[in-house]
PDB file of N, CA and C in Angstrom:
ATOM      1  N   MET A   1      89.944-154.068 -47.029  1.00  0.00           N
ATOM      2  CA  MET A   1      88.812-153.357 -46.495  1.00  0.00           C
ATOM      3  C   MET A   1      87.678-154.317 -46.109  1.00  0.00           C
ATOM      4  N   GLU A   2      88.008-155.596 -45.939  1.00  0.00           N
ATOM      5  CA  GLU A   2      86.987-156.587 -45.609  1.00  0.00           C
ATOM      6  C   GLU A   2      86.304-156.293 -44.278  1.00  0.00           C
ATOM      7  N   ASN A   3      87.004-155.645 -43.352  1.00  0.00           N
ATOM      8  CA  ASN A   3      86.460-155.386 -42.025  1.00  0.00           C
ATOM      9  C   ASN A   3      85.759-154.041 -41.930  1.00  0.00           C
ATOM     10  N   PHE A   4      85.566-153.369 -43.065  1.00  0.00           N
ATOM     11  CA  PHE A   4      84.891-152.078 -43.065  1.00  0.00           C
ATOM     12  C   PHE A   4      83.493-152.257 -42.504  1.00  0.00           C
ATOM     13  N   PRO A   5      83.142-151.490 -41.458  1.00  0.00           N
ATOM     14  CA  PRO A   5      81.826-151.681 -40.842  1.00  0.00           C
ATOM     15  C   PRO A   5      80.697-151.314 -41.792  1.00  0.00           C
ATOM     16  N   LYS A   6      79.619-152.074 -41.740  1.00  0.00           N
ATOM     17  CA  LYS A   6      78.459-151.791 -42.588  1.00  0.00           C
ATOM     18  C   LYS A   6      77.579-150.770 -41.878  1.00  0.00           C
ATOM     19  N   VAL A   7      78.108-149.530 -41.780  1.00  0.00           N
ATOM     20  CA  VAL A   7      77.391-148.486 -41.058  1.00  0.00           C
ATOM     21  C   VAL A   7      76.434-147.718 -41.961  1.00  0.00           C
ATOM     22  N   LEU A   8      76.572-147.866 -43.259  1.00  0.00           N
ATOM     23  CA  LEU A   8      75.748-147.101 -44.182  1.00  0.00           C
ATOM     24  C   LEU A   8      74.628-147.977 -44.725  1.00  0.00           C
ATOM     25  N   CYS A   9      73.611-148.196 -43.909  1.00  0.00           N
ATOM     26  CA  CYS A   9      72.418-148.928 -44.329  1.00  0.00           C
ATOM     27  C   CYS A   9      72.751-150.327 -44.814  1.00  0.00           C
ATOM     28  N   GLY A  10      73.737-150.964 -44.224  1.00  0.00           N
ATOM     29  CA  GLY A  10      74.070-152.325 -44.607  1.00  0.00           C
ATOM     30  C   GLY A  10      74.892-152.431 -45.876  1.00  0.00           C
ATOM     31  N   TRP A  11      75.524-151.375 -46.298  1.00  0.00           N
ATOM     32  CA  TRP A  11      76.346-151.379 -47.508  1.00  0.00           C
ATOM     33  C   TRP A  11      77.806-151.609 -47.136  1.00  0.00           C
ATOM     34  N   SER A  12      78.459-152.526 -47.817  1.00  0.00           N
ATOM     35  CA  SER A  12      79.883-152.784 -47.582  1.00  0.00           C
ATOM     36  C   SER A  12      80.714-151.691 -48.256  1.00  0.00           C
ATOM     37  N   TRP A  13      81.983-151.668 -47.930  1.00  0.00           N
ATOM     38  CA  TRP A  13      82.906-150.707 -48.549  1.00  0.00           C
ATOM     39  C   TRP A  13      82.924-150.910 -50.055  1.00  0.00           C
ATOM     40  N   GLU A  14      83.015-152.166 -50.484  1.00  0.00           N
ATOM     41  CA  GLU A  14      83.066-152.469 -51.910  1.00  0.00           C
ATOM     42  C   GLU A  14      81.793-152.010 -52.620  1.00  0.00           C
ATOM     43  N   GLU A  15      80.638-152.260 -51.996  1.00  0.00           N
ATOM     44  CA  GLU A  15      79.377-151.825 -52.592  1.00  0.00           C
ATOM     45  C   GLU A  15      79.322-150.304 -52.709  1.00  0.00           C
ATOM     46  N   ASN A  16      79.803-149.595 -51.700  1.00  0.00           N
ATOM     47  CA  ASN A  16      79.818-148.132 -51.755  1.00  0.00           C
ATOM     48  C   ASN A  16      80.737-147.621 -52.844  1.00  0.00           C
ATOM     49  N   LYS A  17      81.899-148.250 -53.011  1.00  0.00           N
ATOM     50  CA  LYS A  17      82.827-147.832 -54.069  1.00  0.00           C
ATOM     51  C   LYS A  17      82.206-148.078 -55.439  1.00  0.00           C
ATOM     52  N   LEU A  18      81.574-149.239 -55.626  1.00  0.00           N
ATOM     53  CA  LEU A  18      80.913-149.526 -56.894  1.00  0.00           C
ATOM     54  C   LEU A  18      79.760-148.558 -57.132  1.00  0.00           C
ATOM     55  N   PHE A  19      79.040-148.208 -56.067  1.00  0.00           N
ATOM     56  CA  PHE A  19      77.952-147.239 -56.135  1.00  0.00           C
ATOM     57  C   PHE A  19      78.491-145.884 -56.622  1.00  0.00           C
ATOM     58  N   GLU A  20      79.587-145.433 -56.024  1.00  0.00           N
ATOM     59  CA  GLU A  20      80.193-144.158 -56.414  1.00  0.00           C
ATOM     60  C   GLU A  20      80.639-144.187 -57.869  1.00  0.00           C
ATOM     61  N   LEU A  21      81.277-145.275 -58.269  1.00  0.00           N
ATOM     62  CA  LEU A  21      81.737-145.388 -59.650  1.00  0.00           C
ATOM     63  C   LEU A  21      80.547-145.406 -60.619  1.00  0.00           C
ATOM     64  N   ALA A  22      79.507-146.135 -60.258  1.00  0.00           N
ATOM     65  CA  ALA A  22      78.330-146.209 -61.114  1.00  0.00           C
ATOM     66  C   ALA A  22      77.680-144.837 -61.273  1.00  0.00           C
ATOM     67  N   LEU A  23      77.589-144.081 -60.177  1.00  0.00           N
ATOM     68  CA  LEU A  23      77.013-142.738 -60.264  1.00  0.00           C
ATOM     69  C   LEU A  23      77.833-141.848 -61.191  1.00  0.00           C
ATOM     70  N   ALA A  24      79.138-142.087 -61.210  1.00  0.00           N
ATOM     71  CA  ALA A  24      80.021-141.267 -62.042  1.00  0.00           C
ATOM     72  C   ALA A  24      79.865-141.580 -63.529  1.00  0.00           C
ATOM     73  N   VAL A  25      79.452-142.799 -63.873  1.00  0.00           N
ATOM     74  CA  VAL A  25      79.416-143.169 -65.289  1.00  0.00           C
ATOM     75  C   VAL A  25      78.005-143.295 -65.870  1.00  0.00           C
ATOM     76  N   VAL A  26      76.983-143.416 -65.028  1.00  0.00           N
ATOM     77  CA  VAL A  26      75.610-143.548 -65.538  1.00  0.00           C
ATOM     78  C   VAL A  26      74.971-142.163 -65.572  1.00  0.00           C
ATOM     79  N   ASP A  27      74.527-141.753 -66.737  1.00  0.00           N
ATOM     80  CA  ASP A  27      73.938-140.434 -66.926  1.00  0.00           C
ATOM     81  C   ASP A  27      72.702-140.257 -66.048  1.00  0.00           C
ATOM     82  N   GLU A  28      72.568-139.072 -65.464  1.00  0.00           N
ATOM     83  CA  GLU A  28      71.418-138.771 -64.609  1.00  0.00           C
ATOM     84  C   GLU A  28      70.105-138.880 -65.363  1.00  0.00           C
ATOM     85  N   GLN A  29      70.135-138.694 -66.661  1.00  0.00           N
ATOM     86  CA  GLN A  29      68.921-138.717 -67.475  1.00  0.00           C
ATOM     87  C   GLN A  29      68.622-140.102 -68.056  1.00  0.00           C
ATOM     88  N   HIS A  30      69.462-141.073 -67.768  1.00  0.00           N
ATOM     89  CA  HIS A  30      69.236-142.432 -68.290  1.00  0.00           C
ATOM     90  C   HIS A  30      67.889-142.935 -67.772  1.00  0.00           C
ATOM     91  N   PRO A  31      67.016-143.426 -68.641  1.00  0.00           N
ATOM     92  CA  PRO A  31      65.675-143.822 -68.201  1.00  0.00           C
ATOM     93  C   PRO A  31      65.653-144.968 -67.185  1.00  0.00           C
ATOM     94  N   ASP A  32      66.662-145.805 -67.211  1.00  0.00           N
ATOM     95  CA  ASP A  32      66.745-146.926 -66.260  1.00  0.00           C
ATOM     96  C   ASP A  32      67.929-146.760 -65.327  1.00  0.00           C
ATOM     97  N   ARG A  33      68.187-145.516 -64.947  1.00  0.00           N
ATOM     98  CA  ARG A  33      69.392-145.212 -64.163  1.00  0.00           C
ATOM     99  C   ARG A  33      69.546-146.111 -62.946  1.00  0.00           C
ATOM    100  N   TRP A  34      68.520-146.257 -62.132  1.00  0.00           N
ATOM    101  CA  TRP A  34      68.672-146.975 -60.871  1.00  0.00           C
ATOM    102  C   TRP A  34      68.829-148.473 -61.099  1.00  0.00           C
ATOM    103  N   GLU A  35      68.212-149.007 -62.131  1.00  0.00           N
ATOM    104  CA  GLU A  35      68.394-150.414 -62.461  1.00  0.00           C
ATOM    105  C   GLU A  35      69.836-150.675 -62.907  1.00  0.00           C
ATOM    106  N   VAL A  36      70.367-149.752 -63.716  1.00  0.00           N
ATOM    107  CA  VAL A  36      71.744-149.889 -64.200  1.00  0.00           C
ATOM    108  C   VAL A  36      72.723-149.783 -63.034  1.00  0.00           C
ATOM    109  N   VAL A  37      72.513-148.785 -62.168  1.00  0.00           N
ATOM    110  CA  VAL A  37      73.395-148.621 -61.007  1.00  0.00           C
ATOM    111  C   VAL A  37      73.323-149.859 -60.112  1.00  0.00           C
ATOM    112  N   ALA A  38      72.124-150.386 -59.880  1.00  0.00           N
ATOM    113  CA  ALA A  38      71.971-151.582 -59.045  1.00  0.00           C
ATOM    114  C   ALA A  38      72.722-152.762 -59.651  1.00  0.00           C
ATOM    115  N   THR A  39      72.643-152.908 -60.965  1.00  0.00           N
ATOM    116  CA  THR A  39      73.362-153.985 -61.644  1.00  0.00           C
ATOM    117  C   THR A  39      74.865-153.811 -61.483  1.00  0.00           C
ATOM    118  N   MET A  40      75.335-152.579 -61.594  1.00  0.00           N
ATOM    119  CA  MET A  40      76.762-152.316 -61.464  1.00  0.00           C
ATOM    120  C   MET A  40      77.250-152.554 -60.045  1.00  0.00           C
ATOM    121  N   VAL A  41      76.410-152.259 -59.053  1.00  0.00           N
ATOM    122  CA  VAL A  41      76.778-152.499 -57.653  1.00  0.00           C
ATOM    123  C   VAL A  41      76.830-154.001 -57.395  1.00  0.00           C
ATOM    124  N   GLY A  42      75.911-154.728 -58.019  1.00  0.00           N
ATOM    125  CA  GLY A  42      75.877-156.178 -57.854  1.00  0.00           C
ATOM    126  C   GLY A  42      75.274-156.571 -56.522  1.00  0.00           C
ATOM    127  N   GLY A  43      75.486-157.807 -56.152  1.00  0.00           N
ATOM    128  CA  GLY A  43      74.943-158.289 -54.892  1.00  0.00           C
ATOM    129  C   GLY A  43      73.434-158.350 -54.939  1.00  0.00           C
ATOM    130  N   ASN A  44      72.824-158.030 -53.827  1.00  0.00           N
ATOM    131  CA  ASN A  44      71.371-158.127 -53.716  1.00  0.00           C
ATOM    132  C   ASN A  44      70.700-156.767 -53.664  1.00  0.00           C
ATOM    133  N   LYS A  45      71.345-155.744 -54.155  1.00  0.00           N
ATOM    134  CA  LYS A  45      70.774-154.397 -54.101  1.00  0.00           C
ATOM    135  C   LYS A  45      69.764-154.200 -55.224  1.00  0.00           C
ATOM    136  N   SER A  46      68.570-153.766 -54.856  1.00  0.00           N
ATOM    137  CA  SER A  46      67.532-153.476 -55.847  1.00  0.00           C
ATOM    138  C   SER A  46      67.677-152.031 -56.315  1.00  0.00           C
ATOM    139  N   ALA A  47      66.977-151.720 -57.411  1.00  0.00           N
ATOM    140  CA  ALA A  47      66.969-150.349 -57.909  1.00  0.00           C
ATOM    141  C   ALA A  47      66.410-149.401 -56.850  1.00  0.00           C
ATOM    142  N   GLU A  48      65.396-149.864 -56.109  1.00  0.00           N
ATOM    143  CA  GLU A  48      64.804-149.040 -55.050  1.00  0.00           C
ATOM    144  C   GLU A  48      65.809-148.771 -53.926  1.00  0.00           C
ATOM    145  N   GLU A  49      66.558-149.793 -53.517  1.00  0.00           N
ATOM    146  CA  GLU A  49      67.562-149.613 -52.464  1.00  0.00           C
ATOM    147  C   GLU A  49      68.658-148.646 -52.901  1.00  0.00           C
ATOM    148  N   VAL A  50      69.065-148.760 -54.163  1.00  0.00           N
ATOM    149  CA  VAL A  50      70.108-147.884 -54.699  1.00  0.00           C
ATOM    150  C   VAL A  50      69.622-146.439 -54.721  1.00  0.00           C
ATOM    151  N   GLN A  51      68.388-146.238 -55.147  1.00  0.00           N
ATOM    152  CA  GLN A  51      67.841-144.883 -55.193  1.00  0.00           C
ATOM    153  C   GLN A  51      67.715-144.296 -53.786  1.00  0.00           C
ATOM    154  N   LYS A  52      67.281-145.102 -52.818  1.00  0.00           N
ATOM    155  CA  LYS A  52      67.188-144.635 -51.426  1.00  0.00           C
ATOM    156  C   LYS A  52      68.565-144.269 -50.880  1.00  0.00           C
ATOM    157  N   HIS A  53      69.572-145.078 -51.230  1.00  0.00           N
ATOM    158  CA  HIS A  53      70.945-144.809 -50.793  1.00  0.00           C
ATOM    159  C   HIS A  53      71.412-143.465 -51.354  1.00  0.00           C
ATOM    160  N   TYR A  54      71.033-143.168 -52.587  1.00  0.00           N
ATOM    161  CA  TYR A  54      71.378-141.908 -53.230  1.00  0.00           C
ATOM    162  C   TYR A  54      70.697-140.735 -52.519  1.00  0.00           C
ATOM    163  N   VAL A  55      69.424-140.893 -52.192  1.00  0.00           N
ATOM    164  CA  VAL A  55      68.688-139.830 -51.489  1.00  0.00           C
ATOM    165  C   VAL A  55      69.337-139.551 -50.128  1.00  0.00           C
ATOM    166  N   ILE A  56      69.718-140.597 -49.415  1.00  0.00           N
ATOM    167  CA  ILE A  56      70.399-140.432 -48.118  1.00  0.00           C
ATOM    168  C   ILE A  56      71.709-139.683 -48.310  1.00  0.00           C
ATOM    169  N   LEU A  57      72.445-140.033 -49.365  1.00  0.00           N
ATOM    170  CA  LEU A  57      73.706-139.351 -49.661  1.00  0.00           C
ATOM    171  C   LEU A  57      73.468-137.862 -49.904  1.00  0.00           C
ATOM    172  N   LEU A  58      72.443-137.540 -50.697  1.00  0.00           N
ATOM    173  CA  LEU A  58      72.136-136.132 -50.967  1.00  0.00           C
ATOM    174  C   LEU A  58      71.748-135.381 -49.697  1.00  0.00           C
ATOM    175  N   GLU A  59      70.957-136.024 -48.835  1.00  0.00           N
ATOM    176  CA  GLU A  59      70.547-135.389 -47.580  1.00  0.00           C
ATOM    177  C   GLU A  59      71.757-135.146 -46.682  1.00  0.00           C
ATOM    178  N   ASP A  60      72.668-136.106 -46.627  1.00  0.00           N
ATOM    179  CA  ASP A  60      73.886-135.937 -45.838  1.00  0.00           C
ATOM    180  C   ASP A  60      74.721-134.777 -46.368  1.00  0.00           C
ATOM    181  N   LEU A  61      74.855-134.699 -47.686  1.00  0.00           N
ATOM    182  CA  LEU A  61      75.629-133.616 -48.284  1.00  0.00           C
ATOM    183  C   LEU A  61      75.007-132.255 -47.988  1.00  0.00           C
ATOM    184  N   LYS A  62      73.678-132.166 -48.085  1.00  0.00           N
ATOM    185  CA  LYS A  62      73.000-130.905 -47.779  1.00  0.00           C
ATOM    186  C   LYS A  62      73.240-130.492 -46.328  1.00  0.00           C
ATOM    187  N   LEU A  63      73.177-131.450 -45.420  1.00  0.00           N
ATOM    188  CA  LEU A  63      73.401-131.156 -44.008  1.00  0.00           C
ATOM    189  C   LEU A  63      74.833-130.682 -43.777  1.00  0.00           C
ATOM    190  N   ILE A  64      75.786-131.371 -44.375  1.00  0.00           N
ATOM    191  CA  ILE A  64      77.191-130.991 -44.209  1.00  0.00           C
ATOM    192  C   ILE A  64      77.437-129.598 -44.777  1.00  0.00           C
ATOM    193  N   GLU A  65      76.938-129.359 -45.988  1.00  0.00           N
ATOM    194  CA  GLU A  65      77.165-128.070 -46.640  1.00  0.00           C
ATOM    195  C   GLU A  65      76.422-126.924 -45.966  1.00  0.00           C
ATOM    196  N   SER A  66      75.339-127.211 -45.260  1.00  0.00           N
ATOM    197  CA  SER A  66      74.570-126.160 -44.598  1.00  0.00           C
ATOM    198  C   SER A  66      75.306-125.606 -43.381  1.00  0.00           C
ATOM    199  N   GLY A  67      76.213-126.409 -42.825  1.00  0.00           N
ATOM    200  CA  GLY A  67      76.913-125.994 -41.614  1.00  0.00           C
ATOM    201  C   GLY A  67      76.067-126.141 -40.367  1.00  0.00           C
ATOM    202  N   ASN A  68      74.919-126.770 -40.466  1.00  0.00           N
ATOM    203  CA  ASN A  68      74.011-126.919 -39.330  1.00  0.00           C
ATOM    204  C   ASN A  68      74.144-128.274 -38.641  1.00  0.00           C
ATOM    205  N   LEU A  69      75.349-128.738 -38.512  1.00  0.00           N
ATOM    206  CA  LEU A  69      75.559-130.000 -37.804  1.00  0.00           C
ATOM    207  C   LEU A  69      75.290-129.792 -36.325  1.00  0.00           C
ATOM    208  N   ASP A  70      74.836-130.828 -35.656  1.00  0.00           N
ATOM    209  CA  ASP A  70      74.467-130.689 -34.244  1.00  0.00           C
ATOM    210  C   ASP A  70      75.626-130.972 -33.295  1.00  0.00           C
ATOM    211  N   HIS A  71      76.836-130.927 -33.781  1.00  0.00           N
ATOM    212  CA  HIS A  71      78.000-131.111 -32.908  1.00  0.00           C
ATOM    213  C   HIS A  71      79.160-130.265 -33.428  1.00  0.00           C
ATOM    214  N   LYS A  72      80.111-130.070 -32.567  1.00  0.00           N
ATOM    215  CA  LYS A  72      81.309-129.311 -32.910  1.00  0.00           C
ATOM    216  C   LYS A  72      82.430-130.285 -33.219  1.00  0.00           C
ATOM    217  N   LEU A  73      83.279-129.913 -34.170  1.00  0.00           N
ATOM    218  CA  LEU A  73      84.432-130.751 -34.465  1.00  0.00           C
ATOM    219  C   LEU A  73      85.317-130.865 -33.230  1.00  0.00           C
ATOM    220  N   GLY A  74      85.823-132.048 -33.003  1.00  0.00           N
ATOM    221  CA  GLY A  74      86.709-132.262 -31.866  1.00  0.00           C
ATOM    222  C   GLY A  74      86.002-132.730 -30.618  1.00  0.00           C
ATOM    223  N   GLU A  75      84.691-132.561 -30.538  1.00  0.00           N
ATOM    224  CA  GLU A  75      83.960-133.044 -29.374  1.00  0.00           C
ATOM    225  C   GLU A  75      83.753-134.544 -29.508  1.00  0.00           C
ATOM    226  N   PRO A  76      83.818-135.260 -28.394  1.00  0.00           N
ATOM    227  CA  PRO A  76      83.601-136.705 -28.466  1.00  0.00           C
ATOM    228  C   PRO A  76      82.198-137.024 -28.969  1.00  0.00           C
ATOM    229  N   GLN A  77      82.113-138.005 -29.844  1.00  0.00           N
ATOM    230  CA  GLN A  77      80.838-138.433 -30.406  1.00  0.00           C
ATOM    231  C   GLN A  77      80.683-139.928 -30.168  1.00  0.00           C
ATOM    232  N   SER A  78      79.474-140.388 -29.989  1.00  0.00           N
ATOM    233  CA  SER A  78      79.233-141.813 -29.884  1.00  0.00           C
ATOM    234  C   SER A  78      79.034-142.360 -31.283  1.00  0.00           C
ATOM    235  N   CYS A  79      80.095-142.880 -31.844  1.00  0.00           N
ATOM    236  CA  CYS A  79      80.024-143.415 -33.195  1.00  0.00           C
ATOM    237  C   CYS A  79      81.056-144.524 -33.351  1.00  0.00           C
ATOM    238  N   ILE A  80      80.961-145.222 -34.449  1.00  0.00           N
ATOM    239  CA  ILE A  80      81.915-146.292 -34.734  1.00  0.00           C
ATOM    240  C   ILE A  80      83.178-145.673 -35.287  1.00  0.00           C
ATOM    241  N   GLN A  81      84.317-146.102 -34.790  1.00  0.00           N
ATOM    242  CA  GLN A  81      85.596-145.624 -35.295  1.00  0.00           C
ATOM    243  C   GLN A  81      85.981-146.426 -36.533  1.00  0.00           C
ATOM    244  N   VAL A  82      86.395-145.738 -37.580  1.00  0.00           N
ATOM    245  CA  VAL A  82      86.806-146.383 -38.820  1.00  0.00           C
ATOM    246  C   VAL A  82      88.267-146.065 -39.042  1.00  0.00           C
ATOM    247  N   ASP A  83      89.027-147.066 -39.474  1.00  0.00           N
ATOM    248  CA  ASP A  83      90.441-146.863 -39.764  1.00  0.00           C
ATOM    249  C   ASP A  83      90.557-145.982 -41.005  1.00  0.00           C
ATOM    250  N   CYS A  84      91.028-144.768 -40.821  1.00  0.00           N
ATOM    251  CA  CYS A  84      91.133-143.830 -41.931  1.00  0.00           C
ATOM    252  C   CYS A  84      92.544-143.770 -42.502  1.00  0.00           C
ATOM    253  N   SER A  85      93.344-144.787 -42.219  1.00  0.00           N
ATOM    254  CA  SER A  85      94.715-144.783 -42.719  1.00  0.00           C
ATOM    255  C   SER A  85      94.781-145.158 -44.195  1.00  0.00           C
ATOM    256  N   GLN A  86      93.680-145.661 -44.750  1.00  0.00           N
ATOM    257  CA  GLN A  86      93.643-146.010 -46.167  1.00  0.00           C
ATOM    258  C   GLN A  86      93.462-144.735 -46.993  1.00  0.00           C
ATOM    259  N   PRO A  87      94.089-144.672 -48.168  1.00  0.00           N
ATOM    260  CA  PRO A  87      93.933-143.485 -49.001  1.00  0.00           C
ATOM    261  C   PRO A  87      92.507-143.364 -49.517  1.00  0.00           C
ATOM    262  N   VAL A  88      92.091-142.123 -49.704  1.00  0.00           N
ATOM    263  CA  VAL A  88      90.751-141.849 -50.200  1.00  0.00           C
ATOM    264  C   VAL A  88      90.790-141.621 -51.713  1.00  0.00           C
ATOM    265  N   CYS A  89      91.977-141.428 -52.254  1.00  0.00           N
ATOM    266  CA  CYS A  89      92.125-141.159 -53.684  1.00  0.00           C
ATOM    267  C   CYS A  89      91.808-142.403 -54.505  1.00  0.00           C
ATOM    268  N   TRP A  90      91.700-142.223 -55.801  1.00  0.00           N
ATOM    269  CA  TRP A  90      91.485-143.322 -56.738  1.00  0.00           C
ATOM    270  C   TRP A  90      92.664-144.273 -56.612  1.00  0.00           C
ATOM    271  N   SER A  91      92.394-145.514 -56.354  1.00  0.00           N
ATOM    272  CA  SER A  91      93.447-146.495 -56.133  1.00  0.00           C
ATOM    273  C   SER A  91      93.421-147.564 -57.214  1.00  0.00           C
ATOM    274  N   ASP A  92      94.422-148.430 -57.189  1.00  0.00           N
ATOM    275  CA  ASP A  92      94.444-149.567 -58.108  1.00  0.00           C
ATOM    276  C   ASP A  92      93.222-150.447 -57.886  1.00  0.00           C
ATOM    277  N   GLU A  93      92.807-150.579 -56.621  1.00  0.00           N
ATOM    278  CA  GLU A  93      91.625-151.387 -56.309  1.00  0.00           C
ATOM    279  C   GLU A  93      90.378-150.782 -56.953  1.00  0.00           C
ATOM    280  N   ASP A  94      90.240-149.447 -56.887  1.00  0.00           N
ATOM    281  CA  ASP A  94      89.118-148.779 -57.541  1.00  0.00           C
ATOM    282  C   ASP A  94      89.139-149.055 -59.040  1.00  0.00           C
ATOM    283  N   ASN A  95      90.330-148.979 -59.628  1.00  0.00           N
ATOM    284  CA  ASN A  95      90.469-149.225 -61.051  1.00  0.00           C
ATOM    285  C   ASN A  95      90.068-150.658 -61.395  1.00  0.00           C
ATOM    286  N   LYS A  96      90.471-151.623 -60.571  1.00  0.00           N
ATOM    287  CA  LYS A  96      90.110-153.022 -60.800  1.00  0.00           C
ATOM    288  C   LYS A  96      88.597-153.200 -60.721  1.00  0.00           C
ATOM    289  N   LEU A  97      87.951-152.520 -59.756  1.00  0.00           N
ATOM    290  CA  LEU A  97      86.491-152.597 -59.648  1.00  0.00           C
ATOM    291  C   LEU A  97      85.828-152.041 -60.905  1.00  0.00           C
ATOM    292  N   LEU A  98      86.362-150.943 -61.419  1.00  0.00           N
ATOM    293  CA  LEU A  98      85.806-150.344 -62.624  1.00  0.00           C
ATOM    294  C   LEU A  98      85.987-151.285 -63.816  1.00  0.00           C
ATOM    295  N   VAL A  99      87.157-151.915 -63.930  1.00  0.00           N
ATOM    296  CA  VAL A  99      87.396-152.869 -65.008  1.00  0.00           C
ATOM    297  C   VAL A  99      86.430-154.040 -64.889  1.00  0.00           C
ATOM    298  N   GLN A 100      86.148-154.482 -63.658  1.00  0.00           N
ATOM    299  CA  GLN A 100      85.213-155.594 -63.449  1.00  0.00           C
ATOM    300  C   GLN A 100      83.817-155.247 -63.935  1.00  0.00           C
ATOM    301  N   LEU A 101      83.468-153.960 -63.955  1.00  0.00           N
ATOM    302  CA  LEU A 101      82.137-153.554 -64.413  1.00  0.00           C
ATOM    303  C   LEU A 101      81.973-153.764 -65.906  1.00  0.00           C
ATOM    304  N   ASP A 102      83.095-153.830 -66.632  1.00  0.00           N
ATOM    305  CA  ASP A 102      83.096-154.108 -68.075  1.00  0.00           C
ATOM    306  C   ASP A 102      82.078-153.228 -68.788  1.00  0.00           C
ATOM    307  N   LEU A 103      82.339-151.929 -68.812  1.00  0.00           N
ATOM    308  CA  LEU A 103      81.399-150.959 -69.357  1.00  0.00           C
ATOM    309  C   LEU A 103      81.390-150.897 -70.883  1.00  0.00           C
ATOM    310  N   ASN A 104      82.282-151.596 -71.525  1.00  0.00           N
ATOM    311  CA  ASN A 104      82.329-151.541 -73.002  1.00  0.00           C
ATOM    312  C   ASN A 104      81.306-152.447 -73.624  1.00  0.00           C
TER     313      ASN A 104
END
């Protein structure tokens, strides 16, 4: 997934996967939630960047769930094409990323 386009605010595929995993394991009520998530994502992401990424994710989900998208499925869109032949399910790579987080 090295060639995954950085279309989500400059986040790589690996950073997004680590972000998703971190959200799954860090309690919403944790007092330092965004600092912990940023540490788990690694790289140069700050707690503020991680929190903004989360807000964008929530806004996207609300838009999708509302059904008020400004286009119809199947109509041509001007967007970047992503190879969707990779599985979306939990993979060995996801598991390796989680092990790398060393949560114990």
